[in-house]
Amino acid sequence: MSEARRVLDRAIRLTPQRERARFQPEWEQDYADAATAGVDEMEVARAALRLAWRRRARQLGEIVTGGYGVPAAVAAFLVVAAVLGLAWLLGGFALVLAVGVLAVAAVGAVMAGVPTNWTHWALIGSALVFAVSFGYVWWVAGVTIDAADTRTPVPAAAQYGGAGLVMCGVGVAGVIVSALVSARHARTLRPADPGRA
């Protein structure tokens, strides 16, 4: 098997399952016609792989924004929250993992959205409120512990930990409500989209 064929097969495997029937025949045909059209087979395979990565990132975003149903969106959000909790408790590698998970979720959510759909941006905004509030509460906990250890006053900026927790709750509620509405929009506005079949 040639390297180009292996790259194409990787692209096909990487493509989300429910979109594979849409893209695989087209890629296979382009690959088969490459030699006669004077096109490098590797370029065809790499183009397919790039598109497969974009579709996979979009799929992750659709999960977060309710495209795969509300339970999947809430579960994805809970996974992100759990990773953040582990980063809070463990630090080190868990913190790096949390930053990576947040980055992937954010990029996927932006790629999956429809700019004219307010629910998409409400969901992203709610997730951002949660992330910022969580980061603030994390910081407050750290400086409070440090202040207790060194017997020094807690910084004035750390006096709003309770409000930070409330905003975390607001962010969670916003994500859940936005995912519910976004899932309904996905079902009613784009029922014929083959990428959502």
N, C-alpha and C. Protein backbone atom coordinates (compact mmCIF):
# COMPACT_ATOMS: atom_id res chain seq x y z
N MET A 1 0.84 -1.19 0.00
CA MET A 1 0.00 0.00 0.00
C MET A 1 0.88 1.25 0.00
N SER A 2 0.55 2.21 -0.86
CA SER A 2 1.36 3.42 -0.97
C SER A 2 1.11 4.34 0.23
N GLU A 3 2.04 5.26 0.44
CA GLU A 3 1.89 6.22 1.53
C GLU A 3 0.66 7.10 1.32
N ALA A 4 0.41 7.48 0.06
CA ALA A 4 -0.76 8.31 -0.24
C ALA A 4 -2.05 7.57 0.12
N ARG A 5 -2.10 6.27 -0.16
CA ARG A 5 -3.27 5.48 0.17
C ARG A 5 -3.47 5.39 1.67
N ARG A 6 -2.37 5.28 2.41
CA ARG A 6 -2.47 5.22 3.87
C ARG A 6 -2.99 6.55 4.43
N VAL A 7 -2.54 7.66 3.84
CA VAL A 7 -3.02 8.97 4.30
C VAL A 7 -4.51 9.11 4.01
N LEU A 8 -4.94 8.66 2.83
CA LEU A 8 -6.36 8.73 2.49
C LEU A 8 -7.19 7.87 3.43
N ASP A 9 -6.71 6.66 3.72
CA ASP A 9 -7.44 5.79 4.65
C ASP A 9 -7.53 6.42 6.04
N ARG A 10 -6.44 7.11 6.45
CA ARG A 10 -6.46 7.80 7.75
C ARG A 10 -7.51 8.91 7.73
N ALA A 11 -7.61 9.62 6.61
CA ALA A 11 -8.62 10.68 6.50
C ALA A 11 -10.03 10.11 6.61
N ILE A 12 -10.24 8.98 5.97
CA ILE A 12 -11.57 8.35 6.01
C ILE A 12 -11.91 7.91 7.43
N ARG A 13 -10.94 7.32 8.13
CA ARG A 13 -11.19 6.88 9.51
C ARG A 13 -11.42 8.07 10.43
N LEU A 14 -10.74 9.18 10.18
CA LEU A 14 -10.85 10.36 11.04
C LEU A 14 -12.18 11.08 10.84
N THR A 15 -12.76 10.98 9.67
CA THR A 15 -14.03 11.65 9.39
C THR A 15 -15.12 11.11 10.31
N PRO A 16 -15.94 11.98 10.90
CA PRO A 16 -17.03 11.50 11.76
C PRO A 16 -17.90 10.47 11.04
N GLN A 17 -18.34 9.46 11.77
CA GLN A 17 -19.05 8.32 11.20
C GLN A 17 -20.25 8.75 10.36
N ARG A 18 -21.04 9.70 10.87
CA ARG A 18 -22.26 10.06 10.15
C ARG A 18 -22.00 10.94 8.93
N GLU A 19 -20.74 11.36 8.72
CA GLU A 19 -20.40 12.15 7.54
C GLU A 19 -19.57 11.35 6.54
N ARG A 20 -19.18 10.14 6.94
CA ARG A 20 -18.27 9.35 6.10
C ARG A 20 -18.88 9.01 4.75
N ALA A 21 -20.18 8.65 4.75
CA ALA A 21 -20.82 8.28 3.49
C ALA A 21 -20.89 9.46 2.53
N ARG A 22 -20.84 10.66 3.07
CA ARG A 22 -20.89 11.86 2.23
C ARG A 22 -19.55 12.13 1.57
N PHE A 23 -18.45 11.94 2.31
CA PHE A 23 -17.14 12.34 1.80
C PHE A 23 -16.34 11.20 1.18
N GLN A 24 -16.47 9.98 1.69
CA GLN A 24 -15.61 8.90 1.22
C GLN A 24 -15.72 8.64 -0.28
N PRO A 25 -16.93 8.53 -0.85
CA PRO A 25 -17.00 8.28 -2.31
C PRO A 25 -16.32 9.38 -3.12
N GLU A 26 -16.48 10.62 -2.70
CA GLU A 26 -15.86 11.73 -3.43
C GLU A 26 -14.35 11.65 -3.37
N TRP A 27 -13.82 11.36 -2.18
CA TRP A 27 -12.37 11.26 -2.03
C TRP A 27 -11.82 10.07 -2.80
N GLU A 28 -12.52 8.96 -2.75
CA GLU A 28 -12.07 7.77 -3.48
C GLU A 28 -12.03 8.04 -4.98
N GLN A 29 -13.04 8.75 -5.48
CA GLN A 29 -13.08 9.07 -6.91
C GLN A 29 -11.95 10.03 -7.28
N ASP A 30 -11.74 11.05 -6.45
CA ASP A 30 -10.65 12.00 -6.71
C ASP A 30 -9.30 11.28 -6.70
N TYR A 31 -9.14 10.35 -5.77
CA TYR A 31 -7.88 9.61 -5.67
C TYR A 31 -7.69 8.72 -6.91
N ALA A 32 -8.76 8.07 -7.34
CA ALA A 32 -8.68 7.18 -8.51
C ALA A 32 -8.39 7.98 -9.79
N ASP A 33 -8.91 9.19 -9.87
CA ASP A 33 -8.75 10.00 -11.08
C ASP A 33 -7.48 10.84 -11.06
N ALA A 34 -6.74 10.81 -9.94
CA ALA A 34 -5.58 11.70 -9.80
C ALA A 34 -4.54 11.46 -10.88
N ALA A 35 -4.20 10.20 -11.12
CA ALA A 35 -3.14 9.89 -12.09
C ALA A 35 -3.51 10.38 -13.49
N THR A 36 -4.74 10.10 -13.91
CA THR A 36 -5.16 10.50 -15.26
C THR A 36 -5.32 12.01 -15.38
N ALA A 37 -5.60 12.67 -14.25
CA ALA A 37 -5.77 14.13 -14.28
C ALA A 37 -4.45 14.86 -14.09
N GLY A 38 -3.37 14.12 -13.87
CA GLY A 38 -2.07 14.75 -13.68
C GLY A 38 -1.90 15.39 -12.31
N VAL A 39 -2.63 14.88 -11.34
CA VAL A 39 -2.58 15.42 -9.97
C VAL A 39 -1.85 14.42 -9.09
N ASP A 40 -1.04 14.92 -8.20
CA ASP A 40 -0.31 14.06 -7.27
C ASP A 40 -1.30 13.40 -6.29
N GLU A 41 -1.23 12.07 -6.20
CA GLU A 41 -2.14 11.35 -5.30
C GLU A 41 -1.96 11.80 -3.85
N MET A 42 -0.74 12.12 -3.46
CA MET A 42 -0.49 12.54 -2.09
C MET A 42 -1.19 13.86 -1.80
N GLU A 43 -1.24 14.76 -2.78
CA GLU A 43 -1.93 16.02 -2.56
C GLU A 43 -3.42 15.80 -2.36
N VAL A 44 -3.99 14.88 -3.11
CA VAL A 44 -5.41 14.53 -2.93
C VAL A 44 -5.64 13.97 -1.53
N ALA A 45 -4.75 13.07 -1.12
CA ALA A 45 -4.89 12.44 0.20
C ALA A 45 -4.72 13.46 1.32
N ARG A 46 -3.77 14.36 1.18
CA ARG A 46 -3.54 15.36 2.22
C ARG A 46 -4.70 16.35 2.30
N ALA A 47 -5.26 16.71 1.15
CA ALA A 47 -6.43 17.60 1.16
C ALA A 47 -7.59 16.93 1.89
N ALA A 48 -7.77 15.63 1.65
CA ALA A 48 -8.83 14.89 2.34
C ALA A 48 -8.57 14.85 3.84
N LEU A 49 -7.31 14.67 4.23
CA LEU A 49 -6.95 14.61 5.65
C LEU A 49 -7.20 15.96 6.33
N ARG A 50 -6.87 17.04 5.65
CA ARG A 50 -7.12 18.37 6.23
C ARG A 50 -8.62 18.59 6.45
N LEU A 51 -9.41 18.20 5.47
CA LEU A 51 -10.86 18.36 5.61
C LEU A 51 -11.39 17.45 6.72
N ALA A 52 -10.84 16.24 6.82
CA ALA A 52 -11.27 15.31 7.87
C ALA A 52 -11.00 15.90 9.25
N TRP A 53 -9.83 16.53 9.44
CA TRP A 53 -9.53 17.17 10.73
C TRP A 53 -10.52 18.28 11.03
N ARG A 54 -10.87 19.08 10.01
CA ARG A 54 -11.83 20.17 10.22
C ARG A 54 -13.21 19.62 10.59
N ARG A 55 -13.61 18.53 9.91
CA ARG A 55 -14.91 17.94 10.22
C ARG A 55 -14.92 17.34 11.62
N ARG A 56 -13.80 16.77 12.05
CA ARG A 56 -13.72 16.20 13.40
C ARG A 56 -13.80 17.31 14.45
N ALA A 57 -13.09 18.42 14.19
CA ALA A 57 -13.17 19.56 15.12
C ALA A 57 -14.58 20.12 15.16
N ARG A 58 -15.22 20.18 14.01
CA ARG A 58 -16.60 20.66 13.97
C ARG A 58 -17.52 19.72 14.74
N GLN A 59 -17.27 18.42 14.64
CA GLN A 59 -18.09 17.46 15.37
C GLN A 59 -17.98 17.68 16.87
N LEU A 60 -16.75 17.89 17.36
CA LEU A 60 -16.57 18.15 18.79
C LEU A 60 -17.34 19.40 19.21
N GLY A 61 -17.30 20.41 18.35
CA GLY A 61 -18.05 21.62 18.65
C GLY A 61 -19.55 21.40 18.64
N GLU A 62 -20.02 20.56 17.70
CA GLU A 62 -21.45 20.27 17.63
C GLU A 62 -21.92 19.51 18.87
N ILE A 63 -21.06 18.66 19.40
CA ILE A 63 -21.42 17.96 20.64
C ILE A 63 -21.61 18.98 21.75
N VAL A 64 -20.67 19.91 21.87
CA VAL A 64 -20.74 20.92 22.93
C VAL A 64 -21.93 21.84 22.74
N THR A 65 -22.28 22.18 21.50
CA THR A 65 -23.35 23.14 21.24
C THR A 65 -24.70 22.51 21.01
N GLY A 66 -24.85 21.20 21.29
CA GLY A 66 -26.16 20.58 21.24
C GLY A 66 -26.52 19.91 19.94
N GLY A 67 -25.61 19.86 18.97
CA GLY A 67 -25.93 19.24 17.69
C GLY A 67 -26.15 17.74 17.77
N TYR A 68 -25.65 17.12 18.81
CA TYR A 68 -25.84 15.68 19.01
C TYR A 68 -26.82 15.40 20.14
N GLY A 69 -27.59 16.41 20.49
CA GLY A 69 -28.57 16.25 21.56
C GLY A 69 -28.09 16.86 22.86
N VAL A 70 -29.06 17.18 23.69
CA VAL A 70 -28.75 17.83 24.96
C VAL A 70 -27.94 16.94 25.90
N PRO A 71 -28.27 15.65 26.04
CA PRO A 71 -27.47 14.82 26.95
C PRO A 71 -25.98 14.81 26.59
N ALA A 72 -25.68 14.75 25.29
CA ALA A 72 -24.28 14.74 24.86
C ALA A 72 -23.62 16.09 25.17
N ALA A 73 -24.36 17.20 24.98
CA ALA A 73 -23.80 18.52 25.27
C ALA A 73 -23.51 18.67 26.76
N VAL A 74 -24.45 18.25 27.58
CA VAL A 74 -24.26 18.36 29.03
C VAL A 74 -23.12 17.45 29.48
N ALA A 75 -23.06 16.24 28.91
CA ALA A 75 -21.97 15.32 29.26
C ALA A 75 -20.62 15.90 28.88
N ALA A 76 -20.53 16.53 27.70
CA ALA A 76 -19.27 17.15 27.28
C ALA A 76 -18.88 18.27 28.23
N PHE A 77 -19.87 19.07 28.62
CA PHE A 77 -19.58 20.16 29.55
C PHE A 77 -19.11 19.60 30.90
N LEU A 78 -19.73 18.52 31.36
CA LEU A 78 -19.33 17.92 32.63
C LEU A 78 -17.92 17.36 32.56
N VAL A 79 -17.55 16.82 31.40
CA VAL A 79 -16.18 16.32 31.22
C VAL A 79 -15.19 17.48 31.35
N VAL A 80 -15.51 18.59 30.68
CA VAL A 80 -14.63 19.77 30.77
C VAL A 80 -14.54 20.24 32.22
N ALA A 81 -15.69 20.29 32.91
CA ALA A 81 -15.69 20.73 34.30
C ALA A 81 -14.88 19.77 35.18
N ALA A 82 -14.98 18.46 34.90
CA ALA A 82 -14.22 17.48 35.68
C ALA A 82 -12.72 17.65 35.46
N VAL A 83 -12.32 17.90 34.21
CA VAL A 83 -10.90 18.12 33.92
C VAL A 83 -10.40 19.37 34.64
N LEU A 84 -11.24 20.42 34.66
CA LEU A 84 -10.86 21.63 35.38
C LEU A 84 -10.73 21.34 36.88
N GLY A 85 -11.65 20.53 37.41
CA GLY A 85 -11.57 20.17 38.82
C GLY A 85 -10.30 19.41 39.15
N LEU A 86 -9.92 18.48 38.26
CA LEU A 86 -8.67 17.74 38.47
C LEU A 86 -7.47 18.67 38.41
N ALA A 87 -7.52 19.63 37.47
CA ALA A 87 -6.41 20.58 37.36
C ALA A 87 -6.31 21.41 38.64
N TRP A 88 -7.45 21.74 39.21
CA TRP A 88 -7.48 22.52 40.45
C TRP A 88 -6.84 21.73 41.59
N LEU A 89 -7.16 20.43 41.65
CA LEU A 89 -6.66 19.60 42.75
C LEU A 89 -5.21 19.16 42.55
N LEU A 90 -4.86 18.83 41.30
CA LEU A 90 -3.56 18.20 41.06
C LEU A 90 -2.50 19.15 40.49
N GLY A 91 -2.94 20.14 39.71
CA GLY A 91 -1.98 21.04 39.07
C GLY A 91 -1.11 20.28 38.07
N GLY A 92 0.05 20.83 37.76
CA GLY A 92 1.02 20.16 36.88
C GLY A 92 0.43 19.75 35.54
N PHE A 93 0.57 18.45 35.22
CA PHE A 93 0.11 17.94 33.94
C PHE A 93 -1.39 18.12 33.77
N ALA A 94 -2.15 17.96 34.87
CA ALA A 94 -3.60 18.13 34.79
C ALA A 94 -3.96 19.55 34.35
N LEU A 95 -3.17 20.52 34.75
CA LEU A 95 -3.42 21.90 34.34
C LEU A 95 -3.17 22.07 32.85
N VAL A 96 -2.11 21.47 32.35
CA VAL A 96 -1.83 21.52 30.91
C VAL A 96 -2.96 20.83 30.14
N LEU A 97 -3.41 19.69 30.66
CA LEU A 97 -4.52 18.96 30.02
C LEU A 97 -5.78 19.82 30.00
N ALA A 98 -6.05 20.52 31.10
CA ALA A 98 -7.24 21.36 31.18
C ALA A 98 -7.20 22.47 30.15
N VAL A 99 -6.04 23.10 29.99
CA VAL A 99 -5.89 24.17 29.00
C VAL A 99 -6.13 23.61 27.59
N GLY A 100 -5.58 22.42 27.32
CA GLY A 100 -5.78 21.79 26.02
C GLY A 100 -7.24 21.46 25.76
N VAL A 101 -7.91 20.90 26.77
CA VAL A 101 -9.33 20.55 26.62
C VAL A 101 -10.17 21.80 26.38
N LEU A 102 -9.89 22.86 27.12
CA LEU A 102 -10.62 24.12 26.93
C LEU A 102 -10.40 24.68 25.53
N ALA A 103 -9.15 24.62 25.06
CA ALA A 103 -8.84 25.15 23.73
C ALA A 103 -9.58 24.36 22.65
N VAL A 104 -9.56 23.03 22.75
CA VAL A 104 -10.25 22.20 21.76
C VAL A 104 -11.74 22.46 21.78
N ALA A 105 -12.32 22.54 22.98
CA ALA A 105 -13.76 22.80 23.10
C ALA A 105 -14.12 24.16 22.52
N ALA A 106 -13.29 25.16 22.79
CA ALA A 106 -13.58 26.51 22.30
C ALA A 106 -13.49 26.58 20.78
N VAL A 107 -12.42 26.03 20.22
CA VAL A 107 -12.25 26.06 18.76
C VAL A 107 -13.37 25.28 18.08
N GLY A 108 -13.69 24.10 18.61
CA GLY A 108 -14.77 23.29 18.05
C GLY A 108 -16.10 24.01 18.11
N ALA A 109 -16.38 24.65 19.24
CA ALA A 109 -17.66 25.35 19.39
C ALA A 109 -17.78 26.50 18.40
N VAL A 110 -16.70 27.24 18.20
CA VAL A 110 -16.73 28.34 17.23
C VAL A 110 -16.92 27.80 15.82
N MET A 111 -16.24 26.71 15.48
CA MET A 111 -16.35 26.13 14.14
C MET A 111 -17.74 25.56 13.88
N ALA A 112 -18.40 25.06 14.92
CA ALA A 112 -19.69 24.40 14.75
C ALA A 112 -20.84 25.37 14.65
N GLY A 113 -20.63 26.61 15.05
CA GLY A 113 -21.74 27.52 15.21
C GLY A 113 -22.24 28.14 13.93
N VAL A 114 -23.43 28.68 14.04
CA VAL A 114 -24.02 29.47 12.97
C VAL A 114 -24.07 30.90 13.49
N PRO A 115 -23.30 31.82 12.90
CA PRO A 115 -23.19 33.17 13.47
C PRO A 115 -24.52 33.86 13.69
N THR A 116 -25.56 33.54 12.91
CA THR A 116 -26.85 34.21 13.07
C THR A 116 -27.69 33.55 14.14
N ASN A 117 -27.24 32.46 14.70
CA ASN A 117 -28.00 31.76 15.73
C ASN A 117 -27.53 32.25 17.10
N TRP A 118 -28.36 33.05 17.76
CA TRP A 118 -27.96 33.65 19.04
C TRP A 118 -27.68 32.60 20.09
N THR A 119 -28.33 31.44 19.99
CA THR A 119 -28.12 30.41 21.02
C THR A 119 -26.69 29.89 21.00
N HIS A 120 -26.09 29.85 19.82
CA HIS A 120 -24.71 29.39 19.71
C HIS A 120 -23.79 30.31 20.51
N TRP A 121 -23.95 31.61 20.30
CA TRP A 121 -23.09 32.57 20.98
C TRP A 121 -23.45 32.68 22.46
N ALA A 122 -24.72 32.46 22.80
CA ALA A 122 -25.09 32.45 24.22
C ALA A 122 -24.42 31.28 24.93
N LEU A 123 -24.35 30.13 24.23
CA LEU A 123 -23.70 28.97 24.83
C LEU A 123 -22.20 29.22 25.01
N ILE A 124 -21.57 29.77 23.99
CA ILE A 124 -20.13 30.06 24.10
C ILE A 124 -19.89 31.10 25.20
N GLY A 125 -20.76 32.12 25.26
CA GLY A 125 -20.62 33.13 26.30
C GLY A 125 -20.79 32.53 27.69
N SER A 126 -21.76 31.63 27.84
CA SER A 126 -21.99 30.99 29.14
C SER A 126 -20.78 30.14 29.53
N ALA A 127 -20.24 29.41 28.57
CA ALA A 127 -19.05 28.60 28.85
C ALA A 127 -17.87 29.49 29.24
N LEU A 128 -17.76 30.65 28.60
CA LEU A 128 -16.69 31.59 28.93
C LEU A 128 -16.88 32.16 30.34
N VAL A 129 -18.13 32.48 30.69
CA VAL A 129 -18.43 32.97 32.04
C VAL A 129 -18.01 31.92 33.07
N PHE A 130 -18.36 30.65 32.78
CA PHE A 130 -17.99 29.58 33.70
C PHE A 130 -16.47 29.48 33.83
N ALA A 131 -15.76 29.49 32.68
CA ALA A 131 -14.30 29.32 32.71
C ALA A 131 -13.62 30.45 33.48
N VAL A 132 -14.05 31.70 33.22
CA VAL A 132 -13.44 32.84 33.91
C VAL A 132 -13.76 32.79 35.40
N SER A 133 -15.02 32.50 35.74
CA SER A 133 -15.42 32.44 37.15
C SER A 133 -14.69 31.32 37.87
N PHE A 134 -14.56 30.18 37.19
CA PHE A 134 -13.85 29.05 37.78
C PHE A 134 -12.39 29.43 38.04
N GLY A 135 -11.78 30.10 37.06
CA GLY A 135 -10.40 30.53 37.24
C GLY A 135 -10.25 31.50 38.41
N TYR A 136 -11.22 32.40 38.56
CA TYR A 136 -11.16 33.35 39.67
C TYR A 136 -11.31 32.64 41.01
N VAL A 137 -12.30 31.72 41.09
CA VAL A 137 -12.50 30.98 42.34
C VAL A 137 -11.25 30.16 42.68
N TRP A 138 -10.64 29.59 41.65
CA TRP A 138 -9.39 28.84 41.84
C TRP A 138 -8.32 29.74 42.44
N TRP A 139 -8.18 30.94 41.86
CA TRP A 139 -7.19 31.89 42.36
C TRP A 139 -7.49 32.29 43.80
N VAL A 140 -8.76 32.58 44.09
CA VAL A 140 -9.15 32.96 45.45
C VAL A 140 -8.78 31.86 46.44
N ALA A 141 -9.08 30.61 46.09
CA ALA A 141 -8.74 29.50 46.98
C ALA A 141 -7.24 29.45 47.23
N GLY A 142 -6.46 29.64 46.19
CA GLY A 142 -5.00 29.59 46.34
C GLY A 142 -4.46 30.69 47.23
N VAL A 143 -4.91 31.94 46.98
CA VAL A 143 -4.37 33.04 47.77
C VAL A 143 -4.88 32.99 49.21
N THR A 144 -6.08 32.45 49.41
CA THR A 144 -6.59 32.31 50.78
C THR A 144 -5.77 31.31 51.58
N ILE A 145 -5.44 30.20 50.94
CA ILE A 145 -4.60 29.20 51.60
C ILE A 145 -3.21 29.77 51.89
N ASP A 146 -2.65 30.47 50.90
CA ASP A 146 -1.33 31.08 51.10
C ASP A 146 -1.36 32.11 52.24
N ALA A 147 -2.43 32.91 52.28
CA ALA A 147 -2.53 33.92 53.33
C ALA A 147 -2.64 33.27 54.71
N ALA A 148 -3.37 32.17 54.80
CA ALA A 148 -3.50 31.47 56.07
C ALA A 148 -2.16 30.87 56.50
N ASP A 149 -1.41 30.35 55.54
CA ASP A 149 -0.10 29.75 55.85
C ASP A 149 0.90 30.79 56.34
N THR A 150 0.85 31.97 55.73
CA THR A 150 1.83 33.01 56.07
C THR A 150 1.30 34.02 57.09
N ARG A 151 0.05 33.82 57.51
CA ARG A 151 -0.59 34.72 58.48
C ARG A 151 -0.58 36.18 58.00
N THR A 152 -0.93 36.32 56.72
CA THR A 152 -1.03 37.66 56.14
C THR A 152 -2.47 37.89 55.69
N PRO A 153 -2.86 39.15 55.48
CA PRO A 153 -4.24 39.42 55.04
C PRO A 153 -4.50 38.90 53.63
N VAL A 154 -5.73 38.51 53.41
CA VAL A 154 -6.14 38.08 52.07
C VAL A 154 -6.25 39.33 51.19
N PRO A 155 -5.76 39.30 49.95
CA PRO A 155 -5.87 40.48 49.07
C PRO A 155 -7.31 40.92 48.89
N ALA A 156 -7.50 42.21 48.72
CA ALA A 156 -8.85 42.75 48.57
C ALA A 156 -9.57 42.16 47.37
N ALA A 157 -8.81 41.87 46.30
CA ALA A 157 -9.43 41.31 45.10
C ALA A 157 -9.97 39.90 45.30
N ALA A 158 -9.59 39.27 46.42
CA ALA A 158 -10.03 37.90 46.67
C ALA A 158 -11.27 37.84 47.57
N GLN A 159 -11.94 38.98 47.75
CA GLN A 159 -13.09 39.03 48.65
C GLN A 159 -14.39 38.57 47.99
N TYR A 160 -14.33 38.20 46.72
CA TYR A 160 -15.57 37.94 45.99
C TYR A 160 -15.67 36.47 45.54
N GLY A 161 -15.10 35.58 46.35
CA GLY A 161 -15.16 34.16 46.01
C GLY A 161 -16.58 33.64 45.92
N GLY A 162 -17.45 34.11 46.80
CA GLY A 162 -18.86 33.68 46.76
C GLY A 162 -19.53 34.10 45.47
N ALA A 163 -19.27 35.35 45.06
CA ALA A 163 -19.84 35.82 43.79
C ALA A 163 -19.29 35.00 42.62
N GLY A 164 -18.01 34.61 42.72
CA GLY A 164 -17.43 33.78 41.67
C GLY A 164 -18.13 32.44 41.56
N LEU A 165 -18.46 31.84 42.70
CA LEU A 165 -19.18 30.56 42.68
C LEU A 165 -20.57 30.73 42.07
N VAL A 166 -21.23 31.85 42.40
CA VAL A 166 -22.56 32.12 41.82
C VAL A 166 -22.44 32.22 40.30
N MET A 167 -21.41 32.93 39.82
CA MET A 167 -21.23 33.08 38.38
C MET A 167 -20.89 31.75 37.71
N CYS A 168 -20.19 30.87 38.44
CA CYS A 168 -19.98 29.51 37.90
C CYS A 168 -21.32 28.84 37.67
N GLY A 169 -22.22 28.97 38.66
CA GLY A 169 -23.56 28.39 38.51
C GLY A 169 -24.32 29.00 37.35
N VAL A 170 -24.20 30.33 37.18
CA VAL A 170 -24.86 31.01 36.06
C VAL A 170 -24.33 30.46 34.73
N GLY A 171 -23.01 30.27 34.66
CA GLY A 171 -22.42 29.73 33.44
C GLY A 171 -22.92 28.34 33.14
N VAL A 172 -23.01 27.48 34.16
CA VAL A 172 -23.52 26.12 33.96
C VAL A 172 -24.97 26.16 33.47
N ALA A 173 -25.80 26.98 34.12
CA ALA A 173 -27.20 27.09 33.72
C ALA A 173 -27.32 27.61 32.29
N GLY A 174 -26.48 28.59 31.95
CA GLY A 174 -26.52 29.13 30.59
C GLY A 174 -26.14 28.11 29.54
N VAL A 175 -25.13 27.29 29.85
CA VAL A 175 -24.72 26.23 28.92
C VAL A 175 -25.86 25.24 28.70
N ILE A 176 -26.51 24.82 29.78
CA ILE A 176 -27.57 23.82 29.66
C ILE A 176 -28.76 24.38 28.88
N VAL A 177 -29.20 25.61 29.22
CA VAL A 177 -30.34 26.21 28.54
C VAL A 177 -30.02 26.46 27.07
N SER A 178 -28.83 26.99 26.80
CA SER A 178 -28.44 27.25 25.41
C SER A 178 -28.34 25.97 24.61
N ALA A 179 -27.83 24.90 25.22
CA ALA A 179 -27.75 23.62 24.52
C ALA A 179 -29.14 23.09 24.20
N LEU A 180 -30.08 23.24 25.12
CA LEU A 180 -31.46 22.80 24.86
C LEU A 180 -32.05 23.53 23.66
N VAL A 181 -31.92 24.87 23.66
CA VAL A 181 -32.49 25.65 22.57
C VAL A 181 -31.75 25.39 21.26
N SER A 182 -30.41 25.27 21.35
CA SER A 182 -29.61 25.03 20.15
C SER A 182 -29.96 23.68 19.53
N ALA A 183 -30.18 22.66 20.36
CA ALA A 183 -30.55 21.34 19.84
C ALA A 183 -31.90 21.41 19.13
N ARG A 184 -32.82 22.18 19.68
CA ARG A 184 -34.12 22.33 19.02
C ARG A 184 -33.98 23.02 17.68
N HIS A 185 -33.14 24.06 17.63
CA HIS A 185 -32.89 24.76 16.36
C HIS A 185 -32.28 23.80 15.34
N ALA A 186 -31.34 22.98 15.78
CA ALA A 186 -30.68 22.04 14.85
C ALA A 186 -31.69 21.08 14.24
N ARG A 187 -32.68 20.66 15.03
CA ARG A 187 -33.68 19.72 14.52
C ARG A 187 -34.68 20.39 13.60
N THR A 188 -35.06 21.64 13.90
CA THR A 188 -36.12 22.28 13.13
C THR A 188 -35.64 23.08 11.91
N LEU A 189 -34.42 23.63 12.01
CA LEU A 189 -33.95 24.50 10.94
C LEU A 189 -33.15 23.79 9.87
N ARG A 190 -32.46 22.66 10.24
CA ARG A 190 -31.59 22.00 9.28
C ARG A 190 -31.82 20.50 9.25
N PRO A 191 -33.06 20.05 9.06
CA PRO A 191 -33.31 18.61 9.09
C PRO A 191 -32.72 17.86 7.92
N ALA A 192 -32.47 18.57 6.79
CA ALA A 192 -32.01 17.88 5.59
C ALA A 192 -30.50 17.93 5.42
N ASP A 193 -29.79 18.53 6.36
CA ASP A 193 -28.33 18.62 6.26
C ASP A 193 -27.72 17.24 6.38
N PRO A 194 -27.05 16.74 5.32
CA PRO A 194 -26.49 15.38 5.39
C PRO A 194 -25.44 15.24 6.47
N GLY A 195 -24.80 16.33 6.86
CA GLY A 195 -23.82 16.25 7.93
C GLY A 195 -24.45 16.02 9.28
N ARG A 196 -25.79 16.15 9.40
CA ARG A 196 -26.46 15.95 10.67
C ARG A 196 -27.40 14.77 10.62
N ALA A 197 -27.38 14.03 9.55
CA ALA A 197 -28.31 12.90 9.41
C ALA A 197 -27.94 11.80 10.37
